[in-house]
Amino acid sequence: MCVEYHICILLANFFLYSPPLDGERYLTDKELSEFLKLSRRTLQEYRKQGILPYIILCGKTLYPESEIQALLTGNYRKPIIDGTVSQVEGTAS
């Protein structure tokens, strides 16, 4: 592989990396909307309704990754197909 390729990979990782703040990693509006496949306007509504945990730092809205993950895990429901709870691959019930 060429040196330019490795430099491009290093630069891409540098710009994608967001350092933790006090041990917590925070997601931006853009990152969270892409992850949840929701619009940024929907995230704003969820913040307004108190559904999503967030902080505002220097005018930028940030979402604590661990709290978002806990919210998703706590509200996860297994899909029901033909009246029975389906077995999700890789999990045991």
PDB file of N, CA and C in Angstrom:
ATOM      1  N   MET A   1       0.838  -1.177   0.000  1.00  0.00           N
ATOM      2  CA  MET A   1       0.000   0.000   0.000  1.00  0.00           C
ATOM      3  C   MET A   1       0.886   1.244   0.000  1.00  0.00           C
ATOM      4  N   CYS A   2       0.365   2.293  -0.572  1.00  0.00           N
ATOM      5  CA  CYS A   2       1.179   3.498  -0.687  1.00  0.00           C
ATOM      6  C   CYS A   2       1.093   4.342   0.589  1.00  0.00           C
ATOM      7  N   VAL A   3       2.062   5.174   0.772  1.00  0.00           N
ATOM      8  CA  VAL A   3       2.164   6.033   1.953  1.00  0.00           C
ATOM      9  C   VAL A   3       0.995   7.019   2.002  1.00  0.00           C
ATOM     10  N   GLU A   4       0.586   7.532   0.840  1.00  0.00           N
ATOM     11  CA  GLU A   4      -0.515   8.494   0.806  1.00  0.00           C
ATOM     12  C   GLU A   4      -1.798   7.883   1.369  1.00  0.00           C
ATOM     13  N   TYR A   5      -2.026   6.612   1.088  1.00  0.00           N
ATOM     14  CA  TYR A   5      -3.213   5.930   1.590  1.00  0.00           C
ATOM     15  C   TYR A   5      -3.204   5.905   3.111  1.00  0.00           C
ATOM     16  N   HIS A   6      -2.061   5.546   3.699  1.00  0.00           N
ATOM     17  CA  HIS A   6      -1.951   5.486   5.161  1.00  0.00           C
ATOM     18  C   HIS A   6      -2.125   6.867   5.790  1.00  0.00           C
ATOM     19  N   ILE A   7      -1.602   7.887   5.146  1.00  0.00           N
ATOM     20  CA  ILE A   7      -1.768   9.251   5.657  1.00  0.00           C
ATOM     21  C   ILE A   7      -3.237   9.649   5.609  1.00  0.00           C
ATOM     22  N   CYS A   8      -3.925   9.297   4.535  1.00  0.00           N
ATOM     23  CA  CYS A   8      -5.356   9.610   4.424  1.00  0.00           C
ATOM     24  C   CYS A   8      -6.149   8.914   5.525  1.00  0.00           C
ATOM     25  N   ILE A   9      -5.830   7.661   5.814  1.00  0.00           N
ATOM     26  CA  ILE A   9      -6.525   6.914   6.873  1.00  0.00           C
ATOM     27  C   ILE A   9      -6.265   7.565   8.227  1.00  0.00           C
ATOM     28  N   LEU A  10      -5.021   7.933   8.499  1.00  0.00           N
ATOM     29  CA  LEU A  10      -4.684   8.577   9.772  1.00  0.00           C
ATOM     30  C   LEU A  10      -5.415   9.900   9.930  1.00  0.00           C
ATOM     31  N   LEU A  11      -5.470  10.702   8.874  1.00  0.00           N
ATOM     32  CA  LEU A  11      -6.165  11.984   8.941  1.00  0.00           C
ATOM     33  C   LEU A  11      -7.663  11.783   9.135  1.00  0.00           C
ATOM     34  N   ALA A  12      -8.240  10.810   8.466  1.00  0.00           N
ATOM     35  CA  ALA A  12      -9.675  10.545   8.618  1.00  0.00           C
ATOM     36  C   ALA A  12      -9.984  10.133  10.056  1.00  0.00           C
ATOM     37  N   ASN A  13      -9.170   9.259  10.623  1.00  0.00           N
ATOM     38  CA  ASN A  13      -9.377   8.842  12.018  1.00  0.00           C
ATOM     39  C   ASN A  13      -9.183  10.004  12.983  1.00  0.00           C
ATOM     40  N   PHE A  14      -8.241  10.895  12.688  1.00  0.00           N
ATOM     41  CA  PHE A  14      -8.003  12.053  13.543  1.00  0.00           C
ATOM     42  C   PHE A  14      -9.230  12.948  13.591  1.00  0.00           C
ATOM     43  N   PHE A  15      -9.839  13.207  12.436  1.00  0.00           N
ATOM     44  CA  PHE A  15     -10.984  14.101  12.396  1.00  0.00           C
ATOM     45  C   PHE A  15     -12.259  13.439  12.903  1.00  0.00           C
ATOM     46  N   LEU A  16     -12.351  12.106  12.865  1.00  0.00           N
ATOM     47  CA  LEU A  16     -13.527  11.413  13.371  1.00  0.00           C
ATOM     48  C   LEU A  16     -13.461  11.183  14.877  1.00  0.00           C
ATOM     49  N   TYR A  17     -12.262  11.236  15.446  1.00  0.00           N
ATOM     50  CA  TYR A  17     -12.089  10.968  16.862  1.00  0.00           C
ATOM     51  C   TYR A  17     -12.593  12.144  17.682  1.00  0.00           C
ATOM     52  N   SER A  18     -13.402  11.847  18.688  1.00  0.00           N
ATOM     53  CA  SER A  18     -13.811  12.894  19.623  1.00  0.00           C
ATOM     54  C   SER A  18     -13.403  12.443  21.021  1.00  0.00           C
ATOM     55  N   PRO A  19     -12.510  13.187  21.646  1.00  0.00           N
ATOM     56  CA  PRO A  19     -11.995  12.762  22.948  1.00  0.00           C
ATOM     57  C   PRO A  19     -13.077  12.815  24.017  1.00  0.00           C
ATOM     58  N   PRO A  20     -12.990  11.941  24.999  1.00  0.00           N
ATOM     59  CA  PRO A  20     -13.977  11.951  26.067  1.00  0.00           C
ATOM     60  C   PRO A  20     -13.816  13.188  26.950  1.00  0.00           C
ATOM     61  N   LEU A  21     -14.908  13.637  27.500  1.00  0.00           N
ATOM     62  CA  LEU A  21     -14.920  14.762  28.420  1.00  0.00           C
ATOM     63  C   LEU A  21     -15.251  14.206  29.786  1.00  0.00           C
ATOM     64  N   ASP A  22     -14.296  14.240  30.697  1.00  0.00           N
ATOM     65  CA  ASP A  22     -14.468  13.696  32.044  1.00  0.00           C
ATOM     66  C   ASP A  22     -14.809  12.208  32.002  1.00  0.00           C
ATOM     67  N   GLY A  23     -14.197  11.483  31.053  1.00  0.00           N
ATOM     68  CA  GLY A  23     -14.402  10.045  30.938  1.00  0.00           C
ATOM     69  C   GLY A  23     -15.620   9.648  30.123  1.00  0.00           C
ATOM     70  N   GLU A  24     -16.418  10.591  29.687  1.00  0.00           N
ATOM     71  CA  GLU A  24     -17.644  10.326  28.920  1.00  0.00           C
ATOM     72  C   GLU A  24     -17.446  10.803  27.493  1.00  0.00           C
ATOM     73  N   ARG A  25     -17.870   9.991  26.529  1.00  0.00           N
ATOM     74  CA  ARG A  25     -17.845  10.405  25.125  1.00  0.00           C
ATOM     75  C   ARG A  25     -19.192  11.004  24.794  1.00  0.00           C
ATOM     76  N   TYR A  26     -19.183  12.122  24.111  1.00  0.00           N
ATOM     77  CA  TYR A  26     -20.414  12.812  23.733  1.00  0.00           C
ATOM     78  C   TYR A  26     -20.593  12.774  22.222  1.00  0.00           C
ATOM     79  N   LEU A  27     -21.842  12.661  21.794  1.00  0.00           N
ATOM     80  CA  LEU A  27     -22.185  12.642  20.374  1.00  0.00           C
ATOM     81  C   LEU A  27     -22.778  13.988  19.985  1.00  0.00           C
ATOM     82  N   THR A  28     -22.479  14.424  18.783  1.00  0.00           N
ATOM     83  CA  THR A  28     -23.073  15.653  18.264  1.00  0.00           C
ATOM     84  C   THR A  28     -24.459  15.340  17.692  1.00  0.00           C
ATOM     85  N   ASP A  29     -25.201  16.394  17.359  1.00  0.00           N
ATOM     86  CA  ASP A  29     -26.495  16.220  16.691  1.00  0.00           C
ATOM     87  C   ASP A  29     -26.351  15.370  15.435  1.00  0.00           C
ATOM     88  N   LYS A  30     -25.342  15.689  14.653  1.00  0.00           N
ATOM     89  CA  LYS A  30     -25.142  14.986  13.385  1.00  0.00           C
ATOM     90  C   LYS A  30     -24.856  13.508  13.620  1.00  0.00           C
ATOM     91  N   GLU A  31     -23.950  13.209  14.552  1.00  0.00           N
ATOM     92  CA  GLU A  31     -23.596  11.818  14.831  1.00  0.00           C
ATOM     93  C   GLU A  31     -24.800  11.027  15.336  1.00  0.00           C
ATOM     94  N   LEU A  32     -25.545  11.616  16.276  1.00  0.00           N
ATOM     95  CA  LEU A  32     -26.690  10.905  16.844  1.00  0.00           C
ATOM     96  C   LEU A  32     -27.815  10.734  15.829  1.00  0.00           C
ATOM     97  N   SER A  33     -28.056  11.748  15.019  1.00  0.00           N
ATOM     98  CA  SER A  33     -29.118  11.622  14.011  1.00  0.00           C
ATOM     99  C   SER A  33     -28.778  10.545  12.987  1.00  0.00           C
ATOM    100  N   GLU A  34     -27.509  10.431  12.621  1.00  0.00           N
ATOM    101  CA  GLU A  34     -27.103   9.377  11.691  1.00  0.00           C
ATOM    102  C   GLU A  34     -27.206   8.003  12.349  1.00  0.00           C
ATOM    103  N   PHE A  35     -26.808   7.914  13.609  1.00  0.00           N
ATOM    104  CA  PHE A  35     -26.851   6.647  14.332  1.00  0.00           C
ATOM    105  C   PHE A  35     -28.279   6.152  14.524  1.00  0.00           C
ATOM    106  N   LEU A  36     -29.192   7.052  14.916  1.00  0.00           N
ATOM    107  CA  LEU A  36     -30.587   6.672  15.170  1.00  0.00           C
ATOM    108  C   LEU A  36     -31.457   6.737  13.925  1.00  0.00           C
ATOM    109  N   LYS A  37     -30.889   7.271  12.844  1.00  0.00           N
ATOM    110  CA  LYS A  37     -31.639   7.455  11.593  1.00  0.00           C
ATOM    111  C   LYS A  37     -32.877   8.324  11.820  1.00  0.00           C
ATOM    112  N   LEU A  38     -32.639   9.443  12.528  1.00  0.00           N
ATOM    113  CA  LEU A  38     -33.665  10.447  12.794  1.00  0.00           C
ATOM    114  C   LEU A  38     -33.165  11.785  12.280  1.00  0.00           C
ATOM    115  N   SER A  39     -34.088  12.685  12.007  1.00  0.00           N
ATOM    116  CA  SER A  39     -33.672  14.022  11.591  1.00  0.00           C
ATOM    117  C   SER A  39     -33.199  14.805  12.808  1.00  0.00           C
ATOM    118  N   ARG A  40     -32.426  15.845  12.558  1.00  0.00           N
ATOM    119  CA  ARG A  40     -31.947  16.682  13.646  1.00  0.00           C
ATOM    120  C   ARG A  40     -33.116  17.435  14.281  1.00  0.00           C
ATOM    121  N   ARG A  41     -34.134  17.715  13.501  1.00  0.00           N
ATOM    122  CA  ARG A  41     -35.340  18.369  14.031  1.00  0.00           C
ATOM    123  C   ARG A  41     -36.056  17.441  15.016  1.00  0.00           C
ATOM    124  N   THR A  42     -36.100  16.133  14.719  1.00  0.00           N
ATOM    125  CA  THR A  42     -36.706  15.162  15.629  1.00  0.00           C
ATOM    126  C   THR A  42     -35.916  15.101  16.932  1.00  0.00           C
ATOM    127  N   LEU A  43     -34.587  15.153  16.846  1.00  0.00           N
ATOM    128  CA  LEU A  43     -33.767  15.184  18.058  1.00  0.00           C
ATOM    129  C   LEU A  43     -34.113  16.406  18.904  1.00  0.00           C
ATOM    130  N   GLN A  44     -34.327  17.541  18.242  1.00  0.00           N
ATOM    131  CA  GLN A  44     -34.698  18.767  18.959  1.00  0.00           C
ATOM    132  C   GLN A  44     -36.030  18.577  19.688  1.00  0.00           C
ATOM    133  N   GLU A  45     -36.996  17.943  19.027  1.00  0.00           N
ATOM    134  CA  GLU A  45     -38.293  17.678  19.663  1.00  0.00           C
ATOM    135  C   GLU A  45     -38.141  16.735  20.857  1.00  0.00           C
ATOM    136  N   TYR A  46     -37.312  15.710  20.703  1.00  0.00           N
ATOM    137  CA  TYR A  46     -37.075  14.763  21.796  1.00  0.00           C
ATOM    138  C   TYR A  46     -36.394  15.444  22.981  1.00  0.00           C
ATOM    139  N   ARG A  47     -35.494  16.387  22.708  1.00  0.00           N
ATOM    140  CA  ARG A  47     -34.875  17.155  23.788  1.00  0.00           C
ATOM    141  C   ARG A  47     -35.926  17.987  24.499  1.00  0.00           C
ATOM    142  N   LYS A  48     -36.770  18.650  23.723  1.00  0.00           N
ATOM    143  CA  LYS A  48     -37.820  19.518  24.272  1.00  0.00           C
ATOM    144  C   LYS A  48     -38.788  18.716  25.151  1.00  0.00           C
ATOM    145  N   GLN A  49     -39.081  17.476  24.739  1.00  0.00           N
ATOM    146  CA  GLN A  49     -39.999  16.617  25.489  1.00  0.00           C
ATOM    147  C   GLN A  49     -39.314  15.904  26.656  1.00  0.00           C
ATOM    148  N   GLY A  50     -38.002  16.067  26.797  1.00  0.00           N
ATOM    149  CA  GLY A  50     -37.268  15.434  27.884  1.00  0.00           C
ATOM    150  C   GLY A  50     -36.963  13.969  27.658  1.00  0.00           C
ATOM    151  N   ILE A  51     -37.040  13.526  26.418  1.00  0.00           N
ATOM    152  CA  ILE A  51     -36.793  12.119  26.091  1.00  0.00           C
ATOM    153  C   ILE A  51     -35.292  11.826  26.041  1.00  0.00           C
ATOM    154  N   LEU A  52     -34.522  12.749  25.464  1.00  0.00           N
ATOM    155  CA  LEU A  52     -33.083  12.541  25.288  1.00  0.00           C
ATOM    156  C   LEU A  52     -32.270  13.341  26.306  1.00  0.00           C
ATOM    157  N   PRO A  53     -31.279  12.695  26.929  1.00  0.00           N
ATOM    158  CA  PRO A  53     -30.373  13.437  27.799  1.00  0.00           C
ATOM    159  C   PRO A  53     -29.371  14.229  26.953  1.00  0.00           C
ATOM    160  N   TYR A  54     -29.050  15.449  27.368  1.00  0.00           N
ATOM    161  CA  TYR A  54     -28.109  16.258  26.608  1.00  0.00           C
ATOM    162  C   TYR A  54     -27.515  17.343  27.500  1.00  0.00           C
ATOM    163  N   ILE A  55     -26.434  17.929  27.017  1.00  0.00           N
ATOM    164  CA  ILE A  55     -25.863  19.120  27.628  1.00  0.00           C
ATOM    165  C   ILE A  55     -25.599  20.120  26.513  1.00  0.00           C
ATOM    166  N   ILE A  56     -25.474  21.368  26.875  1.00  0.00           N
ATOM    167  CA  ILE A  56     -25.082  22.386  25.912  1.00  0.00           C
ATOM    168  C   ILE A  56     -23.748  22.940  26.395  1.00  0.00           C
ATOM    169  N   LEU A  57     -22.745  22.812  25.548  1.00  0.00           N
ATOM    170  CA  LEU A  57     -21.393  23.248  25.871  1.00  0.00           C
ATOM    171  C   LEU A  57     -20.935  24.220  24.799  1.00  0.00           C
ATOM    172  N   CYS A  58     -20.699  25.447  25.203  1.00  0.00           N
ATOM    173  CA  CYS A  58     -20.269  26.503  24.264  1.00  0.00           C
ATOM    174  C   CYS A  58     -21.251  26.640  23.096  1.00  0.00           C
ATOM    175  N   GLY A  59     -22.530  26.524  23.381  1.00  0.00           N
ATOM    176  CA  GLY A  59     -23.552  26.675  22.353  1.00  0.00           C
ATOM    177  C   GLY A  59     -23.776  25.454  21.484  1.00  0.00           C
ATOM    178  N   LYS A  60     -23.083  24.361  21.786  1.00  0.00           N
ATOM    179  CA  LYS A  60     -23.219  23.139  20.980  1.00  0.00           C
ATOM    180  C   LYS A  60     -23.932  22.075  21.811  1.00  0.00           C
ATOM    181  N   THR A  61     -24.945  21.443  21.237  1.00  0.00           N
ATOM    182  CA  THR A  61     -25.682  20.393  21.920  1.00  0.00           C
ATOM    183  C   THR A  61     -24.934  19.076  21.803  1.00  0.00           C
ATOM    184  N   LEU A  62     -24.705  18.437  22.949  1.00  0.00           N
ATOM    185  CA  LEU A  62     -23.986  17.166  22.986  1.00  0.00           C
ATOM    186  C   LEU A  62     -24.791  16.158  23.785  1.00  0.00           C
ATOM    187  N   TYR A  63     -24.725  14.893  23.344  1.00  0.00           N
ATOM    188  CA  TYR A  63     -25.474  13.810  23.970  1.00  0.00           C
ATOM    189  C   TYR A  63     -24.502  12.808  24.577  1.00  0.00           C
ATOM    190  N   PRO A  64     -24.626  12.494  25.882  1.00  0.00           N
ATOM    191  CA  PRO A  64     -23.722  11.513  26.491  1.00  0.00           C
ATOM    192  C   PRO A  64     -23.979  10.118  25.932  1.00  0.00           C
ATOM    193  N   GLU A  65     -22.945   9.540  25.336  1.00  0.00           N
ATOM    194  CA  GLU A  65     -23.086   8.261  24.650  1.00  0.00           C
ATOM    195  C   GLU A  65     -23.597   7.156  25.581  1.00  0.00           C
ATOM    196  N   SER A  66     -23.079   7.087  26.800  1.00  0.00           N
ATOM    197  CA  SER A  66     -23.487   6.014  27.715  1.00  0.00           C
ATOM    198  C   SER A  66     -24.966   6.132  28.093  1.00  0.00           C
ATOM    199  N   GLU A  67     -25.459   7.362  28.258  1.00  0.00           N
ATOM    200  CA  GLU A  67     -26.873   7.542  28.600  1.00  0.00           C
ATOM    201  C   GLU A  67     -27.789   7.228  27.420  1.00  0.00           C
ATOM    202  N   ILE A  68     -27.341   7.546  26.219  1.00  0.00           N
ATOM    203  CA  ILE A  68     -28.117   7.202  25.014  1.00  0.00           C
ATOM    204  C   ILE A  68     -28.172   5.684  24.877  1.00  0.00           C
ATOM    205  N   GLN A  69     -27.032   5.018  25.093  1.00  0.00           N
ATOM    206  CA  GLN A  69     -26.985   3.559  25.006  1.00  0.00           C
ATOM    207  C   GLN A  69     -27.894   2.934  26.061  1.00  0.00           C
ATOM    208  N   ALA A  70     -27.883   3.469  27.284  1.00  0.00           N
ATOM    209  CA  ALA A  70     -28.748   2.962  28.356  1.00  0.00           C
ATOM    210  C   ALA A  70     -30.222   3.167  28.009  1.00  0.00           C
ATOM    211  N   LEU A  71     -30.546   4.296  27.401  1.00  0.00           N
ATOM    212  CA  LEU A  71     -31.919   4.580  26.980  1.00  0.00           C
ATOM    213  C   LEU A  71     -32.380   3.575  25.933  1.00  0.00           C
ATOM    214  N   LEU A  72     -31.521   3.292  24.959  1.00  0.00           N
ATOM    215  CA  LEU A  72     -31.860   2.322  23.915  1.00  0.00           C
ATOM    216  C   LEU A  72     -32.000   0.916  24.491  1.00  0.00           C
ATOM    217  N   THR A  73     -31.075   0.526  25.351  1.00  0.00           N
ATOM    218  CA  THR A  73     -31.112  -0.809  25.957  1.00  0.00           C
ATOM    219  C   THR A  73     -32.346  -0.978  26.836  1.00  0.00           C
ATOM    220  N   GLY A  74     -32.651   0.045  27.624  1.00  0.00           N
ATOM    221  CA  GLY A  74     -33.799  -0.022  28.533  1.00  0.00           C
ATOM    222  C   GLY A  74     -35.140  -0.056  27.836  1.00  0.00           C
ATOM    223  N   ASN A  75     -35.198   0.461  26.620  1.00  0.00           N
ATOM    224  CA  ASN A  75     -36.466   0.499  25.881  1.00  0.00           C
ATOM    225  C   ASN A  75     -36.544  -0.511  24.754  1.00  0.00           C
ATOM    226  N   TYR A  76     -35.550  -1.406  24.655  1.00  0.00           N
ATOM    227  CA  TYR A  76     -35.537  -2.408  23.595  1.00  0.00           C
ATOM    228  C   TYR A  76     -36.609  -3.456  23.848  1.00  0.00           C
ATOM    229  N   ARG A  77     -37.344  -3.794  22.816  1.00  0.00           N
ATOM    230  CA  ARG A  77     -38.348  -4.862  22.874  1.00  0.00           C
ATOM    231  C   ARG A  77     -38.080  -5.823  21.729  1.00  0.00           C
ATOM    232  N   LYS A  78     -38.107  -7.119  22.028  1.00  0.00           N
ATOM    233  CA  LYS A  78     -37.906  -8.114  20.975  1.00  0.00           C
ATOM    234  C   LYS A  78     -39.088  -8.066  20.017  1.00  0.00           C
ATOM    235  N   PRO A  79     -38.831  -8.265  18.731  1.00  0.00           N
ATOM    236  CA  PRO A  79     -39.918  -8.236  17.752  1.00  0.00           C
ATOM    237  C   PRO A  79     -40.863  -9.427  17.925  1.00  0.00           C
ATOM    238  N   ILE A  80     -42.138  -9.167  17.668  1.00  0.00           N
ATOM    239  CA  ILE A  80     -43.143 -10.229  17.741  1.00  0.00           C
ATOM    240  C   ILE A  80     -43.554 -10.577  16.318  1.00  0.00           C
ATOM    241  N   ILE A  81     -43.375 -11.859  15.963  1.00  0.00           N
ATOM    242  CA  ILE A  81     -43.723 -12.338  14.628  1.00  0.00           C
ATOM    243  C   ILE A  81     -44.690 -13.507  14.801  1.00  0.00           C
ATOM    244  N   ASP A  82     -45.847 -13.410  14.169  1.00  0.00           N
ATOM    245  CA  ASP A  82     -46.876 -14.449  14.232  1.00  0.00           C
ATOM    246  C   ASP A  82     -47.262 -14.774  15.688  1.00  0.00           C
ATOM    247  N   GLY A  83     -47.352 -13.757  16.531  1.00  0.00           N
ATOM    248  CA  GLY A  83     -47.815 -13.933  17.904  1.00  0.00           C
ATOM    249  C   GLY A  83     -46.786 -14.461  18.867  1.00  0.00           C
ATOM    250  N   THR A  84     -45.556 -14.706  18.411  1.00  0.00           N
ATOM    251  CA  THR A  84     -44.513 -15.182  19.321  1.00  0.00           C
ATOM    252  C   THR A  84     -43.326 -14.225  19.295  1.00  0.00           C
ATOM    253  N   VAL A  85     -42.656 -14.131  20.417  1.00  0.00           N
ATOM    254  CA  VAL A  85     -41.466 -13.291  20.486  1.00  0.00           C
ATOM    255  C   VAL A  85     -40.352 -14.008  19.746  1.00  0.00           C
ATOM    256  N   SER A  86     -39.818 -13.331  18.729  1.00  0.00           N
ATOM    257  CA  SER A  86     -38.789 -13.981  17.908  1.00  0.00           C
ATOM    258  C   SER A  86     -37.466 -14.022  18.650  1.00  0.00           C
ATOM    259  N   GLN A  87     -36.681 -15.003  18.335  1.00  0.00           N
ATOM    260  CA  GLN A  87     -35.356 -15.169  18.916  1.00  0.00           C
ATOM    261  C   GLN A  87     -34.386 -14.350  18.084  1.00  0.00           C
ATOM    262  N   VAL A  88     -33.779 -13.338  18.698  1.00  0.00           N
ATOM    263  CA  VAL A  88     -32.811 -12.525  17.993  1.00  0.00           C
ATOM    264  C   VAL A  88     -31.493 -13.282  17.964  1.00  0.00           C
ATOM    265  N   GLU A  89     -30.876 -13.341  16.797  1.00  0.00           N
ATOM    266  CA  GLU A  89     -29.648 -14.113  16.625  1.00  0.00           C
ATOM    267  C   GLU A  89     -28.575 -13.637  17.598  1.00  0.00           C
ATOM    268  N   GLY A  90     -27.961 -14.613  18.258  1.00  0.00           N
ATOM    269  CA  GLY A  90     -26.878 -14.293  19.167  1.00  0.00           C
ATOM    270  C   GLY A  90     -27.326 -14.046  20.597  1.00  0.00           C
ATOM    271  N   THR A  91     -28.642 -14.166  20.876  1.00  0.00           N
ATOM    272  CA  THR A  91     -29.131 -13.957  22.238  1.00  0.00           C
ATOM    273  C   THR A  91     -29.886 -15.195  22.689  1.00  0.00           C
ATOM    274  N   ALA A  92     -29.954 -15.373  23.965  1.00  0.00           N
ATOM    275  CA  ALA A  92     -30.696 -16.508  24.540  1.00  0.00           C
ATOM    276  C   ALA A  92     -31.841 -15.958  25.364  1.00  0.00           C
ATOM    277  N   SER A  93     -32.961 -16.709  25.417  1.00  0.00           N
ATOM    278  CA  SER A  93     -34.055 -16.271  26.262  1.00  0.00           C
ATOM    279  C   SER A  93     -34.393 -17.270  27.318  1.00  0.00           C
TER     280      SER A  93
END
